[in-house]
Amino acid sequence: MRFLLLPLVLILSIQAFGADLVLKFTLTKADGTPAAYEFLVPNDNTDQSLTMSQDEAVQRQHNAGVAALTWAKQFYGGHEIYLRSVELQNGPVPYYLAKFDGDLAGARQVFFAIVLTSGSILEPTETLQGTTSIRR
């Protein structure tokens, strides 16, 4: 048992120090239960500045919005979900922050998705408590 505990502690330590909290928010899930979510963006301490043409920047932002909307519909399980904005953030590593509103549990709610510049969707971590805050 002791041998299994050490790798778990190491993995949790790497995860705790290898990511930065960039967004925390609460909502009521489609099934009616309250939830708090945190988005942790990887922090690999390398220069992640993006240099691209205006056309490339617009196309990447569009692609991030499409990917975020597709993911959000499935993850949050809401109805009438609308993408309200997609903004490039320069936080620990650059990422796109997508903001939505949609019908969850019979009420219009605001929720989010994060798309890394590689195009990967970042899954949030569900926590026990939380308030809405965006750190930039």
Protein backbone atom coordinates (compact mmCIF):
# COMPACT_ATOMS: atom_id res chain seq x y z
CA MET A 1 0.00 0.00 0.00
CA ARG A 2 2.84 2.38 0.84
CA PHE A 3 4.28 1.86 -2.66
CA LEU A 4 1.00 2.93 -4.24
CA LEU A 5 0.68 6.05 -2.11
CA LEU A 6 4.04 7.57 -3.10
CA PRO A 7 3.31 7.74 -6.85
CA LEU A 8 -0.10 9.25 -6.12
CA VAL A 9 1.46 11.97 -3.96
CA LEU A 10 4.04 12.71 -6.67
CA ILE A 11 1.39 12.98 -9.38
CA LEU A 12 -0.74 15.30 -7.27
CA SER A 13 2.31 17.46 -6.47
CA ILE A 14 3.16 17.81 -10.14
CA GLN A 15 -0.42 18.70 -10.98
CA ALA A 16 -0.64 21.23 -8.16
CA PHE A 17 2.56 23.04 -9.13
CA GLY A 18 2.31 22.54 -12.88
CA ALA A 19 -0.88 24.55 -13.44
CA ASP A 20 -2.27 27.99 -12.67
CA LEU A 21 -5.88 28.73 -11.74
CA VAL A 22 -7.30 31.13 -14.34
CA LEU A 23 -11.05 30.81 -13.83
CA LYS A 24 -13.42 29.69 -11.11
CA PHE A 25 -17.21 29.81 -11.38
CA THR A 26 -20.40 28.20 -10.11
CA LEU A 27 -23.58 27.06 -11.82
CA THR A 28 -26.49 24.71 -11.45
CA LYS A 29 -25.98 21.63 -13.60
CA ALA A 30 -28.60 20.40 -16.07
CA ASP A 31 -29.66 17.78 -13.48
CA GLY A 32 -30.32 20.56 -10.91
CA THR A 33 -27.29 20.02 -8.66
CA PRO A 34 -25.01 22.96 -7.84
CA ALA A 35 -21.41 22.78 -9.04
CA ALA A 36 -18.24 24.84 -8.82
CA TYR A 37 -15.64 24.55 -11.56
CA GLU A 38 -12.01 25.60 -11.83
CA PHE A 39 -9.93 25.86 -14.96
CA LEU A 40 -6.24 25.19 -14.40
CA VAL A 41 -3.97 26.15 -17.29
CA PRO A 42 -0.66 24.29 -17.60
CA ASN A 43 2.33 26.34 -16.54
CA ASP A 44 5.39 25.01 -18.30
CA ASN A 45 7.48 28.17 -17.72
CA THR A 46 8.43 28.57 -21.37
CA ASP A 47 7.95 31.57 -23.62
CA GLN A 48 4.55 30.97 -25.20
CA SER A 49 4.16 34.29 -27.01
CA LEU A 50 2.28 34.01 -30.27
CA THR A 51 3.35 35.79 -33.44
CA MET A 52 0.88 35.44 -36.28
CA SER A 53 -0.73 37.42 -39.06
CA GLN A 54 -4.11 39.10 -38.55
CA ASP A 55 -5.78 36.52 -40.82
CA GLU A 56 -4.24 33.64 -38.87
CA ALA A 57 -5.27 35.21 -35.55
CA VAL A 58 -8.88 35.56 -36.74
CA GLN A 59 -8.94 31.97 -38.03
CA ARG A 60 -7.51 30.57 -34.77
CA GLN A 61 -10.04 32.54 -32.73
CA HIS A 62 -12.85 31.22 -34.92
CA ASN A 63 -11.59 27.63 -34.65
CA ALA A 64 -11.33 27.98 -30.87
CA GLY A 65 -14.93 29.23 -30.72
CA VAL A 66 -16.23 26.32 -32.81
CA ALA A 67 -14.30 23.77 -30.71
CA ALA A 68 -15.46 25.40 -27.46
CA LEU A 69 -19.12 25.45 -28.51
CA THR A 70 -19.06 21.80 -29.58
CA TRP A 71 -17.42 20.79 -26.29
CA ALA A 72 -19.66 23.00 -24.10
CA LYS A 73 -22.88 21.54 -25.53
CA GLN A 74 -21.75 18.05 -24.60
CA PHE A 75 -20.04 18.84 -21.28
CA TYR A 76 -22.69 21.11 -19.72
CA GLY A 77 -25.68 19.35 -21.29
CA GLY A 78 -27.70 22.52 -21.69
CA HIS A 79 -30.15 23.75 -24.29
CA GLU A 80 -30.12 26.84 -26.45
CA ILE A 81 -26.41 27.45 -25.80
CA TYR A 82 -25.04 30.64 -27.33
CA LEU A 83 -21.40 31.60 -27.68
CA ARG A 84 -21.07 35.19 -26.44
CA SER A 85 -17.32 35.81 -26.80
CA VAL A 86 -13.95 34.22 -27.49
CA GLU A 87 -10.92 36.17 -26.27
CA LEU A 88 -7.23 35.35 -26.40
CA GLN A 89 -5.74 35.52 -22.91
CA ASN A 90 -2.02 35.88 -22.28
CA GLY A 91 -2.10 34.18 -18.85
CA PRO A 92 0.52 31.62 -17.81
CA VAL A 93 0.32 30.27 -21.37
CA PRO A 94 -1.86 31.80 -24.09
CA TYR A 95 -5.38 30.37 -24.27
CA TYR A 96 -8.80 31.28 -25.62
CA LEU A 97 -11.53 31.98 -23.07
CA ALA A 98 -15.00 31.29 -24.48
CA LYS A 99 -18.06 32.63 -22.67
CA PHE A 100 -21.51 31.10 -23.15
CA ASP A 101 -25.01 31.39 -21.89
CA GLY A 102 -27.55 28.64 -22.09
CA ASP A 103 -30.50 26.97 -20.47
CA LEU A 104 -29.33 24.68 -17.66
CA ALA A 105 -31.76 23.32 -15.08
CA GLY A 106 -34.55 25.56 -16.41
CA ALA A 107 -32.63 28.85 -16.08
CA ARG A 108 -30.31 30.89 -18.30
CA GLN A 109 -26.80 30.63 -16.91
CA VAL A 110 -23.32 31.79 -17.88
CA PHE A 111 -20.52 29.25 -18.28
CA PHE A 112 -17.11 28.95 -19.89
CA ALA A 113 -14.69 26.89 -21.93
CA ILE A 114 -10.94 27.21 -22.36
CA VAL A 115 -9.16 26.23 -25.56
CA LEU A 116 -5.38 26.10 -25.61
CA THR A 117 -3.66 27.65 -28.63
CA SER A 118 -2.84 24.10 -29.76
CA GLY A 119 -6.60 23.61 -30.22
CA SER A 120 -6.98 21.32 -27.20
CA ILE A 121 -9.99 21.79 -24.94
CA LEU A 122 -9.13 22.17 -21.26
CA GLU A 123 -11.52 20.24 -19.00
CA PRO A 124 -12.43 22.03 -15.76
CA THR A 125 -12.08 20.46 -12.35
CA GLU A 126 -15.24 20.27 -10.28
CA THR A 127 -14.70 21.57 -6.75
CA LEU A 128 -16.86 21.71 -3.65
CA GLN A 129 -17.05 25.46 -3.32
CA GLY A 130 -16.38 28.44 -5.51
CA THR A 131 -17.22 31.89 -6.72
CA THR A 132 -17.05 33.41 -10.14
CA SER A 133 -13.70 35.06 -10.77
CA ILE A 134 -11.43 35.49 -13.75
CA ARG A 135 -7.74 36.08 -13.16
CA ARG A 136 -5.81 37.81 -15.90
